């Protein structure tokens, strides 16, 4: 919450950016969080994957694909609803 609030203060306070639904600040925070997690992630352990935790099954891959397709198709409507 501290870093998200800091992100909101920077976007709205310093940059004077208008964010009607809060989508810009939450997605910007998510992007920063992903970059920081990737920086601190130990990639050599993930490449080995001796316990095969990173391998998805057919159903999990299919569900992820369908979810991605729905998000890709309907994402512009999320932005158009704010106008």
PDB file of N, CA and C in Angstrom:
ATOM      1  N   UNK A   1       0.815  -1.186   0.000  1.00  0.00           N
ATOM      2  CA  UNK A   1       0.000   0.000   0.000  1.00  0.00           C
ATOM      3  C   UNK A   1       0.860   1.252   0.000  1.00  0.00           C
ATOM      4  N   UNK A   2       1.996   1.182   0.625  1.00  0.00           N
ATOM      5  CA  UNK A   2       2.862   2.353   0.684  1.00  0.00           C
ATOM      6  C   UNK A   2       3.332   2.734  -0.717  1.00  0.00           C
ATOM      7  N   UNK A   3       3.792   1.746  -1.481  1.00  0.00           N
ATOM      8  CA  UNK A   3       4.310   2.042  -2.818  1.00  0.00           C
ATOM      9  C   UNK A   3       3.198   2.408  -3.795  1.00  0.00           C
ATOM     10  N   UNK A   4       2.019   1.816  -3.637  1.00  0.00           N
ATOM     11  CA  UNK A   4       0.899   2.191  -4.496  1.00  0.00           C
ATOM     12  C   UNK A   4       0.482   3.635  -4.207  1.00  0.00           C
ATOM     13  N   UNK A   5       0.419   4.007  -2.930  1.00  0.00           N
ATOM     14  CA  UNK A   5       0.065   5.375  -2.565  1.00  0.00           C
ATOM     15  C   UNK A   5       1.116   6.352  -3.070  1.00  0.00           C
ATOM     16  N   UNK A   6       2.368   5.987  -2.993  1.00  0.00           N
ATOM     17  CA  UNK A   6       3.431   6.819  -3.536  1.00  0.00           C
ATOM     18  C   UNK A   6       3.263   6.994  -5.044  1.00  0.00           C
ATOM     19  N   UNK A   7       2.879   5.934  -5.718  1.00  0.00           N
ATOM     20  CA  UNK A   7       2.629   5.989  -7.151  1.00  0.00           C
ATOM     21  C   UNK A   7       1.472   6.942  -7.461  1.00  0.00           C
ATOM     22  N   UNK A   8       0.403   6.887  -6.675  1.00  0.00           N
ATOM     23  CA  UNK A   8      -0.742   7.781  -6.880  1.00  0.00           C
ATOM     24  C   UNK A   8      -0.336   9.228  -6.641  1.00  0.00           C
ATOM     25  N   UNK A   9       0.435   9.476  -5.610  1.00  0.00           N
ATOM     26  CA  UNK A   9       0.873  10.840  -5.306  1.00  0.00           C
ATOM     27  C   UNK A   9       1.732  11.394  -6.443  1.00  0.00           C
ATOM     28  N   UNK A  10       2.611  10.568  -6.989  1.00  0.00           N
ATOM     29  CA  UNK A  10       3.462  11.022  -8.090  1.00  0.00           C
ATOM     30  C   UNK A  10       2.625  11.293  -9.341  1.00  0.00           C
ATOM     31  N   UNK A  11       1.718  10.369  -9.675  1.00  0.00           N
ATOM     32  CA  UNK A  11       0.922  10.536 -10.904  1.00  0.00           C
ATOM     33  C   UNK A  11      -0.036  11.712 -10.813  1.00  0.00           C
ATOM     34  N   UNK A  12      -0.772  11.793  -9.712  1.00  0.00           N
ATOM     35  CA  UNK A  12      -1.796  12.832  -9.599  1.00  0.00           C
ATOM     36  C   UNK A  12      -1.247  14.145  -9.054  1.00  0.00           C
ATOM     37  N   UNK A  13      -0.321  14.053  -8.129  1.00  0.00           N
ATOM     38  CA  UNK A  13       0.192  15.262  -7.496  1.00  0.00           C
ATOM     39  C   UNK A  13       1.275  15.956  -8.297  1.00  0.00           C
ATOM     40  N   UNK A  14       2.325  15.241  -8.609  1.00  0.00           N
ATOM     41  CA  UNK A  14       3.459  15.860  -9.299  1.00  0.00           C
ATOM     42  C   UNK A  14       3.232  16.007 -10.799  1.00  0.00           C
ATOM     43  N   UNK A  15       2.727  14.958 -11.435  1.00  0.00           N
ATOM     44  CA  UNK A  15       2.546  14.989 -12.885  1.00  0.00           C
ATOM     45  C   UNK A  15       1.219  15.592 -13.316  1.00  0.00           C
ATOM     46  N   UNK A  16       0.276  15.759 -12.366  1.00  0.00           N
ATOM     47  CA  UNK A  16      -1.059  16.307 -12.651  1.00  0.00           C
ATOM     48  C   UNK A  16      -1.776  15.505 -13.734  1.00  0.00           C
ATOM     49  N   UNK A  17      -1.604  14.186 -13.728  1.00  0.00           N
ATOM     50  CA  UNK A  17      -2.247  13.314 -14.708  1.00  0.00           C
ATOM     51  C   UNK A  17      -3.675  13.019 -14.265  1.00  0.00           C
ATOM     52  N   UNK A  18      -4.606  13.067 -15.204  1.00  0.00           N
ATOM     53  CA  UNK A  18      -6.012  12.789 -14.915  1.00  0.00           C
ATOM     54  C   UNK A  18      -6.245  11.298 -15.101  1.00  0.00           C
ATOM     55  N   UNK A  19      -6.700  10.642 -14.036  1.00  0.00           N
ATOM     56  CA  UNK A  19      -6.944   9.207 -14.066  1.00  0.00           C
ATOM     57  C   UNK A  19      -8.338   8.953 -13.509  1.00  0.00           C
ATOM     58  N   UNK A  20      -9.322   8.898 -14.393  1.00  0.00           N
ATOM     59  CA  UNK A  20     -10.717   8.838 -13.979  1.00  0.00           C
ATOM     60  C   UNK A  20     -11.034   7.562 -13.205  1.00  0.00           C
ATOM     61  N   UNK A  21     -10.709   6.423 -13.747  1.00  0.00           N
ATOM     62  CA  UNK A  21     -11.065   5.160 -13.115  1.00  0.00           C
ATOM     63  C   UNK A  21      -9.975   4.545 -12.263  1.00  0.00           C
ATOM     64  N   UNK A  22      -8.811   5.137 -12.221  1.00  0.00           N
ATOM     65  CA  UNK A  22      -7.704   4.578 -11.460  1.00  0.00           C
ATOM     66  C   UNK A  22      -6.937   3.505 -12.205  1.00  0.00           C
ATOM     67  N   UNK A  23      -7.237   3.304 -13.464  1.00  0.00           N
ATOM     68  CA  UNK A  23      -6.588   2.248 -14.235  1.00  0.00           C
ATOM     69  C   UNK A  23      -5.132   2.523 -14.522  1.00  0.00           C
ATOM     70  N   UNK A  24      -4.798   3.787 -14.735  1.00  0.00           N
ATOM     71  CA  UNK A  24      -3.412   4.120 -15.053  1.00  0.00           C
ATOM     72  C   UNK A  24      -2.499   3.852 -13.860  1.00  0.00           C
ATOM     73  N   UNK A  25      -2.934   4.253 -12.680  1.00  0.00           N
ATOM     74  CA  UNK A  25      -2.059   4.107 -11.514  1.00  0.00           C
ATOM     75  C   UNK A  25      -1.917   2.638 -11.104  1.00  0.00           C
ATOM     76  N   UNK A  26      -2.984   1.866 -11.172  1.00  0.00           N
ATOM     77  CA  UNK A  26      -2.875   0.470 -10.749  1.00  0.00           C
ATOM     78  C   UNK A  26      -2.064  -0.337 -11.754  1.00  0.00           C
ATOM     79  N   UNK A  27      -2.207  -0.060 -13.041  1.00  0.00           N
ATOM     80  CA  UNK A  27      -1.431  -0.805 -14.035  1.00  0.00           C
ATOM     81  C   UNK A  27       0.035  -0.372 -14.037  1.00  0.00           C
ATOM     82  N   UNK A  28       0.284   0.891 -13.779  1.00  0.00           N
ATOM     83  CA  UNK A  28       1.662   1.361 -13.661  1.00  0.00           C
ATOM     84  C   UNK A  28       2.337   0.721 -12.453  1.00  0.00           C
ATOM     85  N   UNK A  29       1.604   0.638 -11.350  1.00  0.00           N
ATOM     86  CA  UNK A  29       2.137  -0.037 -10.165  1.00  0.00           C
ATOM     87  C   UNK A  29       2.407  -1.509 -10.455  1.00  0.00           C
ATOM     88  N   UNK A  30       1.498  -2.171 -11.155  1.00  0.00           N
ATOM     89  CA  UNK A  30       1.696  -3.573 -11.516  1.00  0.00           C
ATOM     90  C   UNK A  30       2.910  -3.769 -12.400  1.00  0.00           C
ATOM     91  N   UNK A  31       3.135  -2.835 -13.307  1.00  0.00           N
ATOM     92  CA  UNK A  31       4.315  -2.908 -14.168  1.00  0.00           C
ATOM     93  C   UNK A  31       5.600  -2.751 -13.374  1.00  0.00           C
ATOM     94  N   UNK A  32       5.626  -1.776 -12.472  1.00  0.00           N
ATOM     95  CA  UNK A  32       6.807  -1.604 -11.625  1.00  0.00           C
ATOM     96  C   UNK A  32       7.042  -2.839 -10.749  1.00  0.00           C
ATOM     97  N   UNK A  33       5.968  -3.386 -10.199  1.00  0.00           N
ATOM     98  CA  UNK A  33       6.083  -4.565  -9.344  1.00  0.00           C
ATOM     99  C   UNK A  33       6.644  -5.744 -10.132  1.00  0.00           C
ATOM    100  N   UNK A  34       6.189  -5.933 -11.366  1.00  0.00           N
ATOM    101  CA  UNK A  34       6.694  -7.019 -12.199  1.00  0.00           C
ATOM    102  C   UNK A  34       8.166  -6.869 -12.523  1.00  0.00           C
ATOM    103  N   UNK A  35       8.588  -5.651 -12.807  1.00  0.00           N
ATOM    104  CA  UNK A  35       9.997  -5.408 -13.117  1.00  0.00           C
ATOM    105  C   UNK A  35      10.874  -5.677 -11.896  1.00  0.00           C
ATOM    106  N   UNK A  36      10.427  -5.245 -10.735  1.00  0.00           N
ATOM    107  CA  UNK A  36      11.206  -5.471  -9.516  1.00  0.00           C
ATOM    108  C   UNK A  36      11.260  -6.955  -9.168  1.00  0.00           C
ATOM    109  N   UNK A  37      10.146  -7.675  -9.330  1.00  0.00           N
ATOM    110  CA  UNK A  37      10.150  -9.117  -9.071  1.00  0.00           C
ATOM    111  C   UNK A  37      11.081  -9.846 -10.033  1.00  0.00           C
ATOM    112  N   UNK A  38      11.069  -9.438 -11.294  1.00  0.00           N
ATOM    113  CA  UNK A  38      11.957 -10.071 -12.273  1.00  0.00           C
ATOM    114  C   UNK A  38      13.417  -9.786 -11.953  1.00  0.00           C
ATOM    115  N   UNK A  39      13.709  -8.613 -11.392  1.00  0.00           N
ATOM    116  CA  UNK A  39      15.083  -8.258 -11.046  1.00  0.00           C
ATOM    117  C   UNK A  39      15.601  -9.133  -9.906  1.00  0.00           C
ATOM    118  N   UNK A  40      14.748  -9.393  -8.912  1.00  0.00           N
ATOM    119  CA  UNK A  40      15.179 -10.163  -7.748  1.00  0.00           C
ATOM    120  C   UNK A  40      14.940 -11.667  -7.886  1.00  0.00           C
ATOM    121  N   UNK A  41      14.350 -12.096  -8.990  1.00  0.00           N
ATOM    122  CA  UNK A  41      14.048 -13.506  -9.199  1.00  0.00           C
ATOM    123  C   UNK A  41      15.329 -14.253  -9.548  1.00  0.00           C
ATOM    124  N   UNK A  42      15.504 -15.427  -8.970  1.00  0.00           N
ATOM    125  CA  UNK A  42      16.692 -16.242  -9.217  1.00  0.00           C
ATOM    126  C   UNK A  42      16.432 -17.094 -10.456  1.00  0.00           C
ATOM    127  N   UNK A  43      16.899 -16.658 -11.591  1.00  0.00           N
ATOM    128  CA  UNK A  43      16.613 -17.324 -12.850  1.00  0.00           C
ATOM    129  C   UNK A  43      17.278 -18.673 -13.022  1.00  0.00           C
ATOM    130  N   UNK A  44      18.416 -18.889 -12.400  1.00  0.00           N
ATOM    131  CA  UNK A  44      19.111 -20.169 -12.580  1.00  0.00           C
ATOM    132  C   UNK A  44      18.333 -21.326 -11.958  1.00  0.00           C
ATOM    133  N   UNK A  45      17.643 -21.082 -10.851  1.00  0.00           N
ATOM    134  CA  UNK A  45      16.812 -22.132 -10.254  1.00  0.00           C
ATOM    135  C   UNK A  45      15.596 -22.412 -11.120  1.00  0.00           C
ATOM    136  N   UNK A  46      15.078 -21.407 -11.787  1.00  0.00           N
ATOM    137  CA  UNK A  46      13.897 -21.598 -12.632  1.00  0.00           C
ATOM    138  C   UNK A  46      14.244 -22.365 -13.898  1.00  0.00           C
ATOM    139  N   UNK A  47      15.438 -22.186 -14.405  1.00  0.00           N
ATOM    140  CA  UNK A  47      15.838 -22.878 -15.624  1.00  0.00           C
ATOM    141  C   UNK A  47      15.980 -24.373 -15.364  1.00  0.00           C
ATOM    142  N   UNK A  48      16.492 -24.743 -14.204  1.00  0.00           N
ATOM    143  CA  UNK A  48      16.664 -26.165 -13.870  1.00  0.00           C
ATOM    144  C   UNK A  48      15.312 -26.860 -13.709  1.00  0.00           C
ATOM    145  N   UNK A  49      14.427 -26.313 -12.892  1.00  0.00           N
ATOM    146  CA  UNK A  49      13.065 -26.818 -12.677  1.00  0.00           C
ATOM    147  C   UNK A  49      13.044 -28.332 -12.497  1.00  0.00           C
ATOM    148  N   UNK A  50      13.767 -28.809 -11.502  1.00  0.00           N
ATOM    149  CA  UNK A  50      13.884 -30.249 -11.256  1.00  0.00           C
ATOM    150  C   UNK A  50      12.567 -30.876 -10.825  1.00  0.00           C
ATOM    151  N   UNK A  51      11.700 -30.112 -10.165  1.00  0.00           N
ATOM    152  CA  UNK A  51      10.425 -30.642  -9.692  1.00  0.00           C
ATOM    153  C   UNK A  51       9.306 -30.445 -10.709  1.00  0.00           C
ATOM    154  N   UNK A  52       9.616 -29.891 -11.848  1.00  0.00           N
ATOM    155  CA  UNK A  52       8.681 -29.653 -12.955  1.00  0.00           C
ATOM    156  C   UNK A  52       7.461 -28.849 -12.516  1.00  0.00           C
ATOM    157  N   UNK A  53       7.716 -27.781 -11.741  1.00  0.00           N
ATOM    158  CA  UNK A  53       6.634 -26.919 -11.287  1.00  0.00           C
ATOM    159  C   UNK A  53       6.191 -25.943 -12.368  1.00  0.00           C
ATOM    160  N   UNK A  54       7.056 -25.625 -13.308  1.00  0.00           N
ATOM    161  CA  UNK A  54       6.740 -24.646 -14.334  1.00  0.00           C
ATOM    162  C   UNK A  54       6.049 -25.227 -15.552  1.00  0.00           C
ATOM    163  N   UNK A  55       5.802 -26.522 -15.562  1.00  0.00           N
ATOM    164  CA  UNK A  55       5.177 -27.157 -16.711  1.00  0.00           C
ATOM    165  C   UNK A  55       3.668 -27.182 -16.495  1.00  0.00           C
ATOM    166  N   UNK A  56       2.942 -26.589 -17.411  1.00  0.00           N
ATOM    167  CA  UNK A  56       1.495 -26.582 -17.302  1.00  0.00           C
ATOM    168  C   UNK A  56       0.887 -27.751 -18.057  1.00  0.00           C
ATOM    169  N   UNK A  57      -0.274 -28.140 -17.636  1.00  0.00           N
ATOM    170  CA  UNK A  57      -0.990 -29.205 -18.318  1.00  0.00           C
ATOM    171  C   UNK A  57      -1.801 -28.651 -19.475  1.00  0.00           C
ATOM    172  N   UNK A  58      -2.455 -29.529 -20.192  1.00  0.00           N
ATOM    173  CA  UNK A  58      -3.245 -29.116 -21.348  1.00  0.00           C
ATOM    174  C   UNK A  58      -4.399 -28.205 -20.934  1.00  0.00           C
ATOM    175  N   UNK A  59      -5.114 -28.561 -19.867  1.00  0.00           N
ATOM    176  CA  UNK A  59      -6.279 -27.770 -19.464  1.00  0.00           C
ATOM    177  C   UNK A  59      -5.864 -26.396 -18.939  1.00  0.00           C
ATOM    178  N   UNK A  60      -4.787 -26.308 -18.173  1.00  0.00           N
ATOM    179  CA  UNK A  60      -4.371 -25.007 -17.653  1.00  0.00           C
ATOM    180  C   UNK A  60      -3.879 -24.096 -18.787  1.00  0.00           C
ATOM    181  N   UNK A  61      -3.197 -24.663 -19.766  1.00  0.00           N
ATOM    182  CA  UNK A  61      -2.771 -23.862 -20.913  1.00  0.00           C
ATOM    183  C   UNK A  61      -3.956 -23.401 -21.743  1.00  0.00           C
ATOM    184  N   UNK A  62      -4.959 -24.262 -21.898  1.00  0.00           N
ATOM    185  CA  UNK A  62      -6.147 -23.891 -22.664  1.00  0.00           C
ATOM    186  C   UNK A  62      -6.930 -22.787 -21.962  1.00  0.00           C
ATOM    187  N   UNK A  63      -7.104 -22.899 -20.658  1.00  0.00           N
ATOM    188  CA  UNK A  63      -7.822 -21.877 -19.900  1.00  0.00           C
ATOM    189  C   UNK A  63      -7.068 -20.554 -19.939  1.00  0.00           C
ATOM    190  N   UNK A  64      -5.754 -20.587 -19.834  1.00  0.00           N
ATOM    191  CA  UNK A  64      -4.964 -19.359 -19.919  1.00  0.00           C
ATOM    192  C   UNK A  64      -5.082 -18.727 -21.293  1.00  0.00           C
ATOM    193  N   UNK A  65      -5.100 -19.535 -22.332  1.00  0.00           N
ATOM    194  CA  UNK A  65      -5.242 -19.026 -23.692  1.00  0.00           C
ATOM    195  C   UNK A  65      -6.605 -18.378 -23.893  1.00  0.00           C
ATOM    196  N   UNK A  66      -7.656 -19.038 -23.430  1.00  0.00           N
ATOM    197  CA  UNK A  66      -9.008 -18.486 -23.581  1.00  0.00           C
ATOM    198  C   UNK A  66      -9.144 -17.184 -22.795  1.00  0.00           C
ATOM    199  N   UNK A  67      -8.614 -17.140 -21.591  1.00  0.00           N
ATOM    200  CA  UNK A  67      -8.644 -15.905 -20.804  1.00  0.00           C
ATOM    201  C   UNK A  67      -7.892 -14.773 -21.478  1.00  0.00           C
ATOM    202  N   UNK A  68      -6.754 -15.091 -22.071  1.00  0.00           N
ATOM    203  CA  UNK A  68      -5.986 -14.074 -22.787  1.00  0.00           C
ATOM    204  C   UNK A  68      -6.746 -13.562 -24.002  1.00  0.00           C
ATOM    205  N   UNK A  69      -7.422 -14.451 -24.706  1.00  0.00           N
ATOM    206  CA  UNK A  69      -8.193 -14.043 -25.885  1.00  0.00           C
ATOM    207  C   UNK A  69      -9.370 -13.148 -25.494  1.00  0.00           C
ATOM    208  N   UNK A  70     -10.072 -13.495 -24.402  1.00  0.00           N
ATOM    209  CA  UNK A  70     -11.168 -12.643 -23.946  1.00  0.00           C
ATOM    210  C   UNK A  70     -10.659 -11.270 -23.538  1.00  0.00           C
ATOM    211  N   UNK A  71      -9.540 -11.226 -22.819  1.00  0.00           N
ATOM    212  CA  UNK A  71      -8.977  -9.941 -22.425  1.00  0.00           C
ATOM    213  C   UNK A  71      -8.555  -9.133 -23.642  1.00  0.00           C
ATOM    214  N   UNK A  72      -7.968  -9.782 -24.619  1.00  0.00           N
ATOM    215  CA  UNK A  72      -7.527  -9.095 -25.833  1.00  0.00           C
ATOM    216  C   UNK A  72      -8.717  -8.547 -26.620  1.00  0.00           C
ATOM    217  N   UNK A  73      -9.797  -9.317 -26.689  1.00  0.00           N
ATOM    218  CA  UNK A  73     -10.954  -8.875 -27.472  1.00  0.00           C
ATOM    219  C   UNK A  73     -11.747  -7.777 -26.780  1.00  0.00           C
ATOM    220  N   UNK A  74     -11.900  -7.851 -25.468  1.00  0.00           N
ATOM    221  CA  UNK A  74     -12.781  -6.927 -24.765  1.00  0.00           C
ATOM    222  C   UNK A  74     -12.054  -5.783 -24.068  1.00  0.00           C
ATOM    223  N   UNK A  75     -10.725  -5.726 -24.132  1.00  0.00           N
ATOM    224  CA  UNK A  75      -9.995  -4.660 -23.441  1.00  0.00           C
ATOM    225  C   UNK A  75     -10.330  -3.265 -23.952  1.00  0.00           C
ATOM    226  N   UNK A  76     -10.480  -3.050 -25.254  1.00  0.00           N
ATOM    227  CA  UNK A  76     -10.839  -1.675 -25.682  1.00  0.00           C
ATOM    228  C   UNK A  76     -12.160  -1.188 -25.105  1.00  0.00           C
ATOM    229  N   UNK A  77     -13.083  -2.075 -24.812  1.00  0.00           N
ATOM    230  CA  UNK A  77     -14.360  -1.638 -24.240  1.00  0.00           C
ATOM    231  C   UNK A  77     -14.180  -1.117 -22.821  1.00  0.00           C
ATOM    232  N   UNK A  78     -13.170  -1.592 -22.091  1.00  0.00           N
ATOM    233  CA  UNK A  78     -12.922  -1.056 -20.763  1.00  0.00           C
ATOM    234  C   UNK A  78     -12.533   0.422 -20.856  1.00  0.00           C
ATOM    235  N   UNK A  79     -11.696   0.753 -21.819  1.00  0.00           N
ATOM    236  CA  UNK A  79     -11.269   2.127 -21.978  1.00  0.00           C
ATOM    237  C   UNK A  79     -12.377   2.998 -22.557  1.00  0.00           C
ATOM    238  N   UNK A  80     -13.189   2.467 -23.462  1.00  0.00           N
ATOM    239  CA  UNK A  80     -14.240   3.239 -24.095  1.00  0.00           C
ATOM    240  C   UNK A  80     -15.351   3.554 -23.100  1.00  0.00           C
ATOM    241  N   UNK A  81     -15.531   2.749 -22.068  1.00  0.00           N
ATOM    242  CA  UNK A  81     -16.591   2.988 -21.096  1.00  0.00           C
ATOM    243  C   UNK A  81     -16.333   4.252 -20.281  1.00  0.00           C
ATOM    244  N   UNK A  82     -15.080   4.644 -20.160  1.00  0.00           N
ATOM    245  CA  UNK A  82     -14.745   5.830 -19.361  1.00  0.00           C
ATOM    246  C   UNK A  82     -15.016   7.136 -20.118  1.00  0.00           C
ATOM    247  N   UNK A  83     -15.133   7.075 -21.418  1.00  0.00           N
ATOM    248  CA  UNK A  83     -15.296   8.309 -22.193  1.00  0.00           C
ATOM    249  C   UNK A  83     -16.668   8.809 -22.172  1.00  0.00           C
TER     250      UNK A  83
END
